[in-house]
Amino acid sequence: MIRPSALLSIIAAAVPLVGVADVRPAALFADNMIIQRETQAPVWGRADAGEKVTVTGSWGESAKATTADDGKWMVKLKTPEAGGPHTITIKGDNTVEIKNVLAGEVWFCSGQSNMDFILNQLVKFKVGRTAPQDQPAAEYIKIEVATAKDDLLRQFTVQKNTSPLEPLDTFMGAWMISSPKTNADFSATAYFFGRELRKELNVPVALIKCAWGGTRVEPWMPAEEFQQDEEMAAYYDANIAALKGKIAKWDPTKVEANYQAALKKWQGTKKGRKPRKASHPKGNQQSPSTLFNGMVSPVIPYAIKGAIWYQGESNANHNTVKYEANFRRMISSWRTHWGQGDFPFYFAQLANFKAPVTEPVDSDGWASICDQQRRTLGLKNTGMAVLSDIGEAQDIHPHNKMEVGKRLALWALKHDYKQKLQVYSGPLYKSHKIKGDQVIIKFDSAGSGLMTGVKAGMADTKATEDALKHFQICGADRQWKWAQAEITGKDTVTVSHSEIAAPTVVRYAWAANAAAANLYNNEGLPASIFTTETEIYK
């Protein structure tokens, strides 16, 4: 959702792209931008073939390029330490001056609705749906929107766009500065991540929001990545073939006639939903590669510190067992296309959702996505915020984005900004040993030790004396039972069941909503869902 004020800014930002003879930078290079500090930052745009372009930063650095035959130019500009404001001057046959430029930390923020949702979409709670303990979060956000002002926290919003058949190199978007006039339009997850960095680092922070609600991982993957797997190659080929067939048959006149006929029929009865005009097949945001091509590719190679990601809900019932492989390929391919090495990539594990599970379950698409997200931590320079204790049973968009942002920021603060944090994640399954009728689980990120705990709403986690809950165990027959589980060391839990003499598998919090799960580290961060099985995703 784009508010009218933001739309006007987007249109204004796009104006420099209209001319033919004028040198014109890409949309990211506009007033109020933040450029990644202390690096060689690409700056690019278009001009006439052969036109000489000079880019100069007011901090004393400049770079030159000659526009190629295709009308594109790019330079690498050495950027200063954090601070500003600066100006960037781009001179060709004409001159463009970009004002109020800051140098700081730039983060690319992508995914589906829990990244796409702006603060204004979370300022209210739904009576009858939002539990009392979750209502204060909405009130907190409402106050934040109305009062927060931070000239050094800024967001660039990439306008939604699809391009299923080819990568694009132009796009639209706009920068905005945090204030009561603009806060409502910030991505909630990105905003609270950025706020944590601002608080701890005291440098400018940029958030490049590039998200689309309800989307799967497949639209965010470059086309070539589908060819790494026979099944996914067939999936890509079939989808693109079907799309091309629809495009060939697309007849705007017929579409309009069908719409008018359906509308007339509906107006006579007013029964059911009002008809909607069919959209062009290229506009389907679920087509493979379409969002990488239309939204991510045009931003590359803007210099970034790293990326944060919140997505997976839409894959809980679509290519579910392929999620880890596809997610890994997406991350690796983004890094390859960006050309900045293995930049940090931190993601939110899905929050608990739907009615709490009271009986052990064998399969659950939501749980499977969560476990595959955990397994993706095997990829270099990745991190995961565990959110199993901040979800809402009746709302797939939990209000407590403050905790989401904070937990994502812990990874960055520890690994990228070298802060001395004792712990930055909840307990993560490391290994297990089967000894007779017992399974001994060992955890990473146990902090100063393991505990049982409870978290209610925005309140801090409280330690309890309760027994561990939501561990499942089975034998070779795969008849799952609730297990007896006990903390038996600083980083170990021992699991068993009196009726299972030869256990084979242990699972923890294996459900879309394992509300009773209560394993934490002493620092108050929840343990991630896991299964001790290793070969379950083909």
Protein backbone atom coordinates (compact mmCIF):
# COMPACT_ATOMS: atom_id res chain seq x y z
CA MET A 1 0.00 0.00 0.00
CA ILE A 2 1.42 3.39 -1.03
CA ARG A 3 -0.01 6.52 0.51
CA PRO A 4 -0.71 9.53 -1.76
CA SER A 5 2.16 11.57 -0.31
CA ALA A 6 4.59 8.74 -0.97
CA LEU A 7 3.23 8.29 -4.51
CA LEU A 8 3.91 11.93 -5.33
CA SER A 9 7.48 11.49 -4.12
CA ILE A 10 7.90 8.41 -6.31
CA ILE A 11 6.66 10.30 -9.35
CA ALA A 12 9.04 13.17 -8.58
CA ALA A 13 11.95 10.74 -8.19
CA ALA A 14 11.17 9.27 -11.59
CA VAL A 15 11.23 12.60 -13.43
CA PRO A 16 15.01 12.55 -14.12
CA LEU A 17 14.51 9.32 -16.08
CA VAL A 18 12.28 10.99 -18.68
CA GLY A 19 14.79 12.97 -20.74
CA VAL A 20 16.75 11.60 -23.67
CA ALA A 21 19.83 13.82 -23.96
CA ASP A 22 20.29 14.64 -20.28
CA VAL A 23 22.56 12.67 -17.98
CA ARG A 24 20.27 11.07 -15.43
CA PRO A 25 21.13 8.90 -12.44
CA ALA A 26 19.22 5.80 -11.35
CA ALA A 27 16.31 6.45 -8.99
CA LEU A 28 18.28 5.63 -5.83
CA PHE A 29 20.55 8.62 -6.44
CA ALA A 30 18.21 11.37 -5.30
CA ASP A 31 17.86 13.99 -2.58
CA ASN A 32 17.93 12.60 0.99
CA MET A 33 19.74 9.42 -0.03
CA ILE A 34 22.14 7.51 2.21
CA ILE A 35 25.22 6.00 0.60
CA GLN A 36 27.19 3.15 2.17
CA ARG A 37 30.07 4.61 4.14
CA GLU A 38 33.76 3.93 3.59
CA THR A 39 33.55 1.88 0.43
CA GLN A 40 33.80 2.15 -3.35
CA ALA A 41 30.13 2.75 -4.10
CA PRO A 42 28.76 2.21 -7.61
CA VAL A 43 26.91 5.23 -9.01
CA TRP A 44 25.18 4.76 -12.34
CA GLY A 45 22.61 6.05 -14.77
CA ARG A 46 21.99 6.89 -18.41
CA ALA A 47 23.15 9.48 -20.91
CA ASP A 48 23.91 9.74 -24.61
CA ALA A 49 26.36 7.18 -25.97
CA GLY A 50 29.88 8.54 -25.70
CA GLU A 51 28.92 11.27 -23.23
CA LYS A 52 31.56 11.97 -20.58
CA VAL A 53 30.19 11.80 -17.02
CA THR A 54 31.90 13.00 -13.84
CA VAL A 55 30.53 12.19 -10.38
CA THR A 56 31.82 14.30 -7.49
CA GLY A 57 31.13 14.01 -3.77
CA SER A 58 31.38 17.17 -1.68
CA TRP A 59 33.70 15.25 0.64
CA GLY A 60 36.41 15.57 -2.01
CA GLU A 61 36.23 12.41 -4.12
CA SER A 62 35.31 12.12 -7.79
CA ALA A 63 35.16 9.52 -10.56
CA LYS A 64 34.69 9.61 -14.32
CA ALA A 65 33.13 7.39 -16.97
CA THR A 66 32.22 7.43 -20.64
CA THR A 67 28.68 6.40 -21.51
CA ALA A 68 28.56 3.10 -23.40
CA ASP A 69 26.78 2.49 -26.68
CA ASP A 70 23.69 1.26 -24.82
CA GLY A 71 23.39 4.59 -23.00
CA LYS A 72 24.58 3.31 -19.63
CA TRP A 73 27.36 4.70 -17.44
CA MET A 74 28.76 3.71 -14.04
CA VAL A 75 31.52 4.89 -11.75
CA LYS A 76 32.91 3.74 -8.41
CA LEU A 77 32.92 6.63 -5.95
CA LYS A 78 34.97 6.47 -2.76
CA THR A 79 32.64 7.30 0.12
CA PRO A 80 33.44 9.05 3.42
CA GLU A 81 33.04 7.97 7.02
CA ALA A 82 29.58 8.21 8.55
CA GLY A 83 28.07 11.68 8.53
CA GLY A 84 26.89 14.51 6.33
CA PRO A 85 24.99 16.17 4.92
CA HIS A 86 26.86 16.08 1.63
CA THR A 87 26.05 16.72 -1.99
CA ILE A 88 26.79 14.55 -5.01
CA THR A 89 27.19 16.34 -8.33
CA ILE A 90 26.79 14.42 -11.59
CA LYS A 91 27.99 16.34 -14.62
CA GLY A 92 27.69 15.42 -18.27
CA ASP A 93 26.22 17.67 -20.94
CA ASN A 94 24.01 18.82 -18.08
CA THR A 95 24.46 18.83 -14.28
CA VAL A 96 22.45 17.03 -11.60
CA GLU A 97 23.00 17.96 -7.95
CA ILE A 98 21.83 15.53 -5.26
CA LYS A 99 21.34 17.21 -1.89
CA ASN A 100 21.18 16.18 1.77
CA VAL A 101 23.23 13.03 1.19
CA LEU A 102 24.40 11.08 4.24
CA ALA A 103 27.03 8.36 4.53
CA GLY A 104 26.01 5.48 6.76
CA GLU A 105 24.82 1.88 6.84
CA VAL A 106 22.56 0.63 4.03
CA TRP A 107 20.37 -2.47 4.44
CA PHE A 108 18.24 -4.13 1.77
CA CYS A 109 14.89 -5.20 3.29
CA SER A 110 12.87 -7.75 1.34
CA GLY A 111 10.24 -10.50 1.55
CA GLN A 112 6.47 -10.75 1.70
CA SER A 113 3.79 -9.06 3.80
CA ASN A 114 5.52 -9.14 7.18
CA MET A 115 8.26 -7.05 5.57
CA ASP A 116 5.89 -5.18 3.26
CA PHE A 117 3.45 -4.11 6.00
CA ILE A 118 3.95 -0.47 6.89
CA LEU A 119 3.65 0.90 10.41
CA ASN A 120 0.25 2.37 9.63
CA GLN A 121 -1.11 -1.14 9.02
CA LEU A 122 -0.22 -2.19 12.56
CA VAL A 123 -1.45 0.78 14.61
CA LYS A 124 -4.78 -0.91 15.31
CA PHE A 125 -5.74 -4.20 16.84
CA LYS A 126 -8.72 -6.29 15.77
CA VAL A 127 -11.34 -6.73 18.48
CA GLY A 128 -12.14 -10.40 18.83
CA ARG A 129 -8.98 -11.42 16.99
CA THR A 130 -6.08 -9.71 18.75
CA ALA A 131 -5.42 -11.20 22.19
CA PRO A 132 -5.34 -8.70 25.09
CA GLN A 133 -1.62 -9.30 25.62
CA ASP A 134 -0.92 -8.24 22.01
CA GLN A 135 -2.99 -5.06 22.01
CA PRO A 136 -0.37 -2.85 23.72
CA ALA A 137 1.95 -3.43 20.76
CA ALA A 138 -0.51 -1.69 18.46
CA GLU A 139 -0.78 1.21 20.88
CA TYR A 140 3.01 1.43 21.09
CA ILE A 141 3.32 1.60 17.30
CA LYS A 142 0.61 4.27 17.13
CA ILE A 143 2.61 6.48 19.49
CA GLU A 144 5.84 5.76 17.59
CA VAL A 145 4.26 6.82 14.29
CA ALA A 146 2.92 10.05 15.79
CA THR A 147 6.01 11.14 17.70
CA ALA A 148 9.25 9.63 16.37
CA LYS A 149 11.60 11.88 14.44
CA ASP A 150 15.05 10.85 13.28
CA ASP A 151 16.75 12.70 10.42
CA LEU A 152 19.38 9.95 10.22
CA LEU A 153 16.91 7.07 9.65
CA ARG A 154 15.68 6.91 6.07
CA GLN A 155 13.86 4.49 3.79
CA PHE A 156 13.83 4.06 0.03
CA THR A 157 10.72 2.24 -1.18
CA VAL A 158 11.11 0.28 -4.42
CA GLN A 159 7.82 0.46 -6.29
CA LYS A 160 6.19 -2.92 -6.93
CA ASN A 161 6.88 -4.17 -10.43
CA THR A 162 6.88 -7.48 -12.30
CA SER A 163 9.04 -8.64 -15.20
CA PRO A 164 8.81 -12.40 -15.71
CA LEU A 165 10.79 -12.64 -18.95
CA GLU A 166 13.81 -10.37 -18.49
CA PRO A 167 15.72 -8.43 -15.82
CA LEU A 168 15.09 -4.69 -15.76
CA ASP A 169 17.64 -1.95 -15.11
CA THR A 170 15.31 0.96 -14.44
CA PHE A 171 12.81 1.37 -11.63
CA MET A 172 10.87 3.87 -9.56
CA GLY A 173 11.07 4.69 -5.88
CA ALA A 174 11.66 7.46 -3.37
CA TRP A 175 13.60 8.31 -0.21
CA MET A 176 11.86 9.50 2.94
CA ILE A 177 13.15 10.65 6.33
CA SER A 178 11.66 9.39 9.58
CA SER A 179 9.20 11.93 11.01
CA PRO A 180 5.56 12.03 12.13
CA LYS A 181 4.70 12.91 8.52
CA THR A 182 6.35 9.83 7.02
CA ASN A 183 6.67 7.17 9.73
CA ALA A 184 3.37 5.59 8.75
CA ASP A 185 4.89 4.53 5.41
CA PHE A 186 7.98 2.78 6.80
CA SER A 187 8.16 -1.00 6.69
CA ALA A 188 7.43 -1.97 10.31
CA THR A 189 10.02 -4.76 10.42
CA ALA A 190 12.68 -2.66 8.69
CA TYR A 191 11.92 0.41 10.81
CA PHE A 192 12.47 -1.34 14.14
CA PHE A 193 15.58 -3.08 12.80
CA GLY A 194 16.92 0.31 11.71
CA ARG A 195 15.94 1.93 14.98
CA GLU A 196 18.02 -0.61 16.91
CA LEU A 197 21.04 0.05 14.71
CA ARG A 198 20.61 3.78 15.10
CA LYS A 199 20.45 3.46 18.88
CA GLU A 200 23.54 1.29 19.14
CA LEU A 201 25.73 2.72 16.36
CA ASN A 202 24.74 6.39 16.24
CA VAL A 203 25.33 6.57 12.47
CA PRO A 204 22.88 7.16 9.60
CA VAL A 205 20.91 4.06 8.61
CA ALA A 206 19.21 3.47 5.26
CA LEU A 207 16.49 0.88 4.67
CA ILE A 208 15.79 -0.11 1.06
CA LYS A 209 12.34 -1.67 1.19
CA CYS A 210 11.78 -4.13 -1.66
CA ALA A 211 8.84 -6.34 -0.66
CA TRP A 212 5.50 -7.69 -1.91
CA GLY A 213 2.87 -9.30 0.30
CA GLY A 214 1.74 -12.86 -0.30
CA THR A 215 4.70 -13.82 -2.50
CA ARG A 216 6.60 -17.08 -2.59
CA VAL A 217 10.37 -17.45 -2.73
CA GLU A 218 10.29 -18.49 -6.40
CA PRO A 219 9.50 -15.00 -7.81
CA TRP A 220 12.56 -13.64 -5.96
CA MET A 221 14.98 -16.15 -7.56
CA PRO A 222 16.96 -15.34 -10.73
CA ALA A 223 15.98 -17.48 -13.70
CA GLU A 224 19.30 -19.32 -13.91
CA GLU A 225 18.92 -20.68 -10.38
CA PHE A 226 16.00 -22.91 -11.37
CA GLN A 227 18.29 -24.84 -13.68
CA GLN A 228 20.32 -26.16 -10.73
CA ASP A 229 17.59 -28.68 -9.89
CA GLU A 230 15.77 -30.93 -12.39
CA GLU A 231 12.41 -30.59 -10.67
CA MET A 232 12.67 -26.80 -10.30
CA ALA A 233 13.84 -26.46 -13.92
CA ALA A 234 10.68 -28.26 -15.01
CA TYR A 235 8.65 -26.00 -12.70
CA TYR A 236 10.20 -22.89 -14.25
CA ASP A 237 9.82 -24.09 -17.83
CA ALA A 238 6.18 -25.07 -17.33
CA ASN A 239 5.28 -21.76 -15.67
CA ILE A 240 7.00 -19.65 -18.32
CA ALA A 241 5.49 -21.68 -21.16
CA ALA A 242 2.02 -21.23 -19.66
CA LEU A 243 2.67 -17.52 -19.20
CA LYS A 244 3.76 -17.06 -22.81
CA GLY A 245 0.63 -18.90 -23.93
CA LYS A 246 -1.56 -16.53 -21.93
CA ILE A 247 0.28 -13.52 -23.31
CA ALA A 248 -0.24 -14.75 -26.88
CA LYS A 249 -3.97 -15.05 -26.24
CA TRP A 250 -4.29 -11.73 -24.43
CA ASP A 251 -6.92 -9.55 -26.08
CA PRO A 252 -7.62 -6.26 -24.26
CA THR A 253 -10.87 -5.72 -26.20
CA LYS A 254 -12.18 -9.12 -25.22
CA VAL A 255 -11.06 -8.65 -21.62
CA GLU A 256 -12.96 -5.36 -21.41
CA ALA A 257 -16.08 -6.88 -22.99
CA ASN A 258 -16.05 -9.82 -20.57
CA TYR A 259 -15.58 -7.48 -17.63
CA GLN A 260 -18.47 -5.21 -18.66
CA ALA A 261 -20.76 -8.22 -19.16
CA ALA A 262 -19.87 -9.63 -15.75
CA LEU A 263 -20.27 -6.22 -14.12
CA LYS A 264 -23.71 -5.73 -15.67
CA LYS A 265 -24.83 -9.14 -14.47
CA TRP A 266 -23.55 -8.46 -10.94
CA GLN A 267 -25.24 -5.06 -10.81
CA GLY A 268 -28.54 -6.77 -11.47
CA THR A 269 -28.30 -8.99 -8.40
CA LYS A 270 -25.46 -7.56 -6.22
CA LYS A 271 -24.78 -11.13 -5.15
CA GLY A 272 -21.25 -12.28 -4.44
CA ARG A 273 -18.13 -10.24 -5.02
CA LYS A 274 -18.08 -7.37 -7.47
CA PRO A 275 -16.23 -8.51 -10.63
CA ARG A 276 -12.68 -7.36 -11.22
CA LYS A 277 -11.14 -6.78 -14.60
CA ALA A 278 -8.55 -9.39 -15.53
CA SER A 279 -4.99 -8.08 -15.41
CA HIS A 280 -2.27 -8.72 -17.96
CA PRO A 281 -0.55 -12.11 -17.42
CA LYS A 282 2.81 -10.37 -16.99
CA GLY A 283 1.47 -8.76 -13.82
CA ASN A 284 1.28 -12.04 -11.87
CA GLN A 285 3.62 -11.53 -8.92
CA GLN A 286 3.96 -15.30 -8.37
CA SER A 287 5.63 -16.04 -11.71
CA PRO A 288 9.14 -17.42 -11.23
CA SER A 289 11.88 -14.75 -11.28
CA THR A 290 9.43 -11.90 -11.91
CA LEU A 291 10.23 -9.96 -8.71
CA PHE A 292 13.95 -10.51 -8.94
CA ASN A 293 13.81 -9.16 -12.49
CA GLY A 294 11.42 -6.31 -11.78
CA MET A 295 12.45 -5.13 -8.31
CA VAL A 296 15.78 -6.59 -7.12
CA SER A 297 17.84 -6.54 -10.30
CA PRO A 298 17.34 -2.79 -10.91
CA VAL A 299 18.69 -1.99 -7.41
CA ILE A 300 21.88 -3.98 -7.99
CA PRO A 301 24.74 -3.02 -7.55
CA TYR A 302 23.84 -0.24 -5.06
CA ALA A 303 26.35 -0.56 -2.22
CA ILE A 304 24.77 -2.20 0.82
CA LYS A 305 25.96 -3.49 4.17
CA GLY A 306 23.64 -6.48 4.06
CA ALA A 307 20.06 -7.71 3.74
CA ILE A 308 17.18 -8.67 6.02
CA TRP A 309 14.36 -10.95 4.89
CA TYR A 310 10.92 -11.94 6.19
CA GLN A 311 9.14 -14.48 4.00
CA GLY A 312 8.05 -18.11 3.93
CA GLU A 313 4.36 -18.03 4.81
CA SER A 314 3.37 -18.47 1.16
CA ASN A 315 5.60 -21.52 0.76
CA ALA A 316 3.98 -23.44 3.62
CA ASN A 317 1.81 -25.14 0.99
CA HIS A 318 3.80 -24.53 -2.19
CA ASN A 319 7.05 -26.34 -3.09
CA THR A 320 7.43 -26.74 0.67
CA VAL A 321 10.11 -29.46 0.74
CA LYS A 322 12.15 -27.46 -1.77
CA TYR A 323 12.20 -24.33 0.35
CA GLU A 324 15.66 -24.65 1.89
CA ALA A 325 17.30 -25.42 -1.44
CA ASN A 326 15.51 -22.57 -3.18
CA PHE A 327 16.13 -20.12 -0.34
CA ARG A 328 19.84 -20.97 -0.30
CA ARG A 329 20.03 -20.51 -4.06
CA MET A 330 18.25 -17.19 -3.82
CA ILE A 331 20.66 -15.86 -1.19
CA SER A 332 23.75 -17.11 -3.02
CA SER A 333 22.56 -15.73 -6.36
CA TRP A 334 21.79 -12.31 -4.91
CA ARG A 335 25.32 -12.22 -3.53
CA THR A 336 26.74 -13.23 -6.91
CA HIS A 337 24.74 -10.60 -8.80
CA TRP A 338 25.64 -7.87 -6.29
CA GLY A 339 29.33 -8.62 -6.52
CA GLN A 340 29.97 -7.63 -2.89
CA GLY A 341 31.04 -11.05 -1.66
CA ASP A 342 29.09 -12.98 0.98
CA PHE A 343 27.35 -9.97 2.49
CA PRO A 344 25.35 -10.65 5.70
CA PHE A 345 21.84 -11.99 5.13
CA TYR A 346 19.58 -12.17 8.20
CA PHE A 347 16.06 -13.53 8.11
CA ALA A 348 13.02 -13.88 10.35
CA GLN A 349 11.80 -17.38 11.10
CA LEU A 350 8.02 -17.57 10.80
CA ALA A 351 6.12 -16.56 13.93
CA ASN A 352 3.58 -18.90 15.51
CA PHE A 353 0.15 -18.76 13.86
CA LYS A 354 -3.24 -20.53 13.93
CA ALA A 355 -4.78 -22.45 16.81
CA PRO A 356 -2.28 -23.90 19.30
CA VAL A 357 -1.49 -27.56 18.69
CA THR A 358 -2.44 -29.89 21.55
CA GLU A 359 -1.57 -33.27 20.03
CA PRO A 360 1.69 -34.37 18.36
CA VAL A 361 1.58 -34.05 14.57
CA ASP A 362 3.61 -35.90 11.94
CA SER A 363 3.57 -33.28 9.20
CA ASP A 364 3.04 -29.53 9.14
CA GLY A 365 4.01 -27.28 6.23
CA TRP A 366 4.51 -24.24 8.47
CA ALA A 367 6.80 -26.16 10.81
CA SER A 368 8.70 -27.54 7.83
CA ILE A 369 9.39 -24.02 6.52
CA CYS A 370 10.61 -22.95 9.97
CA ASP A 371 12.95 -25.92 10.19
CA GLN A 372 14.31 -25.32 6.70
CA GLN A 373 14.94 -21.70 7.60
CA ARG A 374 16.95 -22.95 10.58
CA ARG A 375 18.94 -25.28 8.31
CA THR A 376 19.73 -22.38 6.00
CA LEU A 377 21.98 -21.07 8.78
CA GLY A 378 24.54 -23.48 7.33
CA LEU A 379 25.09 -20.90 4.61
CA LYS A 380 27.93 -18.49 5.36
CA ASN A 381 27.10 -15.13 6.97
CA THR A 382 23.45 -15.84 7.62
CA GLY A 383 21.44 -15.33 10.81
CA MET A 384 17.88 -16.01 11.97
CA ALA A 385 15.55 -14.27 14.38
CA VAL A 386 13.39 -16.86 16.15
CA LEU A 387 9.83 -15.52 16.54
CA SER A 388 7.95 -18.50 17.93
CA ASP A 389 6.88 -16.56 21.03
CA ILE A 390 5.64 -13.30 19.47
CA GLY A 391 3.08 -14.54 16.91
CA GLU A 392 -0.70 -14.23 17.10
CA ALA A 393 -3.02 -17.20 16.65
CA GLN A 394 -5.56 -15.29 14.57
CA ASP A 395 -3.31 -12.87 12.72
CA ILE A 396 -0.56 -13.83 10.29
CA HIS A 397 0.84 -10.32 10.77
CA PRO A 398 1.85 -10.13 14.44
CA HIS A 399 1.93 -6.61 15.88
CA ASN A 400 5.14 -6.95 17.87
CA LYS A 401 7.52 -5.94 15.10
CA MET A 402 9.63 -4.23 17.76
CA GLU A 403 10.89 -7.65 18.85
CA VAL A 404 11.38 -8.77 15.24
CA GLY A 405 13.58 -5.77 14.49
CA LYS A 406 15.52 -6.14 17.71
CA ARG A 407 16.25 -9.84 17.20
CA LEU A 408 17.39 -9.29 13.62
CA ALA A 409 19.57 -6.41 14.76
CA LEU A 410 21.30 -8.59 17.37
CA TRP A 411 22.88 -10.64 14.57
CA ALA A 412 24.13 -7.53 12.80
CA LEU A 413 25.40 -5.87 15.96
CA LYS A 414 27.37 -8.97 16.93
CA HIS A 415 28.79 -10.04 13.58
CA ASP A 416 28.99 -6.87 11.49
CA TYR A 417 29.53 -4.18 14.10
CA LYS A 418 31.56 -6.29 16.53
CA GLN A 419 29.60 -5.42 19.65
CA LYS A 420 30.38 -7.54 22.67
CA LEU A 421 27.10 -9.43 23.01
CA GLN A 422 27.05 -12.62 25.04
CA VAL A 423 24.20 -13.99 22.98
CA TYR A 424 22.43 -12.92 19.80
CA SER A 425 20.12 -15.89 19.17
CA GLY A 426 17.94 -18.31 21.03
CA PRO A 427 19.14 -21.92 21.43
CA LEU A 428 19.78 -23.66 18.09
CA TYR A 429 19.93 -27.42 17.66
CA LYS A 430 23.52 -28.57 17.16
CA SER A 431 23.65 -32.36 17.56
CA HIS A 432 22.17 -35.33 19.36
CA LYS A 433 23.18 -38.70 20.76
CA ILE A 434 20.93 -41.67 21.41
CA LYS A 435 21.84 -43.54 24.61
CA GLY A 436 19.48 -46.41 25.27
CA ASP A 437 16.01 -44.97 25.70
CA GLN A 438 17.26 -41.38 25.92
CA VAL A 439 18.12 -38.77 23.32
CA ILE A 440 20.57 -36.08 24.45
CA ILE A 441 20.23 -32.83 22.50
CA LYS A 442 23.10 -30.32 22.37
CA PHE A 443 22.49 -26.64 21.51
CA ASP A 444 24.43 -23.72 20.14
CA SER A 445 23.59 -20.20 21.35
CA ALA A 446 22.71 -21.42 24.83
CA GLY A 447 24.10 -18.19 26.26
CA SER A 448 24.77 -18.46 29.97
CA GLY A 449 22.52 -21.50 30.13
CA LEU A 450 19.11 -22.95 29.29
CA MET A 451 15.86 -22.31 31.14
CA THR A 452 12.12 -22.66 30.84
CA GLY A 453 10.41 -19.34 30.30
CA VAL A 454 7.30 -17.49 29.24
CA LYS A 455 6.87 -14.30 27.23
CA ALA A 456 3.59 -12.38 27.19
CA GLY A 457 3.15 -9.59 24.66
CA MET A 458 5.81 -6.90 24.87
CA ALA A 459 6.96 -7.94 28.34
CA ASP A 460 10.42 -9.41 28.83
CA THR A 461 10.74 -13.18 29.05
CA LYS A 462 10.29 -14.51 32.59
CA ALA A 463 11.98 -17.62 33.90
CA THR A 464 9.65 -20.32 35.24
CA GLU A 465 9.92 -23.56 37.18
CA ASP A 466 7.71 -25.37 34.66
CA ALA A 467 8.71 -28.62 33.00
CA LEU A 468 9.91 -28.44 29.40
CA LYS A 469 7.07 -28.82 26.94
CA HIS A 470 6.43 -29.51 23.26
CA PHE A 471 9.19 -32.05 22.71
CA GLN A 472 7.99 -34.97 20.56
CA ILE A 473 9.67 -38.35 20.31
CA CYS A 474 9.08 -41.49 18.25
CA GLY A 475 10.57 -44.88 17.50
CA ALA A 476 10.92 -46.64 14.17
CA ASP A 477 7.13 -46.83 13.87
CA ARG A 478 6.91 -43.01 13.79
CA GLN A 479 4.13 -42.94 16.37
CA TRP A 480 4.75 -39.55 17.90
CA LYS A 481 4.30 -38.96 21.62
CA TRP A 482 4.82 -36.00 23.92
CA ALA A 483 8.20 -36.55 25.49
CA GLN A 484 9.60 -36.05 28.93
CA ALA A 485 12.36 -33.47 28.55
CA GLU A 486 14.78 -32.12 31.13
CA ILE A 487 17.56 -29.56 31.07
CA THR A 488 20.63 -31.60 31.99
CA GLY A 489 23.47 -29.17 31.33
CA LYS A 490 24.30 -25.62 30.32
CA ASP A 491 23.57 -26.49 26.69
CA THR A 492 21.89 -29.90 26.79
CA VAL A 493 18.39 -31.34 27.10
CA THR A 494 17.66 -35.05 27.64
CA VAL A 495 14.48 -36.42 26.05
CA SER A 496 12.68 -39.75 26.57
CA HIS A 497 9.33 -41.50 26.87
CA SER A 498 8.51 -44.44 29.11
CA GLU A 499 6.88 -46.39 26.26
CA ILE A 500 9.67 -45.90 23.70
CA ALA A 501 12.67 -48.10 24.42
CA ALA A 502 14.46 -47.37 21.15
CA PRO A 503 13.87 -43.75 20.14
CA THR A 504 14.83 -42.62 16.64
CA VAL A 505 13.71 -38.99 16.23
CA VAL A 506 13.06 -35.98 18.46
CA ARG A 507 11.25 -32.84 17.41
CA TYR A 508 10.72 -29.57 19.25
CA ALA A 509 7.91 -27.04 18.74
CA TRP A 510 6.84 -28.92 15.61
CA ALA A 511 3.66 -27.03 14.75
CA ALA A 512 2.43 -23.80 13.20
CA ASN A 513 1.63 -22.69 16.73
CA ALA A 514 3.50 -24.52 19.46
CA ALA A 515 2.21 -22.13 22.09
CA ALA A 516 3.34 -24.33 24.98
CA ALA A 517 6.98 -24.47 23.82
CA ASN A 518 9.04 -22.95 26.60
CA LEU A 519 12.77 -23.56 26.06
CA TYR A 520 14.84 -20.36 26.26
CA ASN A 521 18.36 -19.35 27.09
CA ASN A 522 18.89 -17.34 30.28
CA GLU A 523 19.05 -14.18 28.17
CA GLY A 524 15.38 -14.62 27.28
CA LEU A 525 15.61 -15.68 23.62
CA PRO A 526 13.49 -18.66 22.49
CA ALA A 527 14.81 -21.93 21.07
CA SER A 528 14.18 -22.63 17.42
CA ILE A 529 11.95 -25.39 16.13
CA PHE A 530 13.96 -28.41 15.01
CA THR A 531 13.92 -32.08 14.14
CA THR A 532 16.86 -34.44 14.59
CA GLU A 533 16.12 -36.00 11.19
CA THR A 534 18.64 -35.09 8.52
CA GLU A 535 17.30 -36.40 5.19
CA ILE A 536 13.70 -35.24 5.06
CA TYR A 537 13.84 -32.53 2.37
CA LYS A 538 14.39 -33.80 -1.15
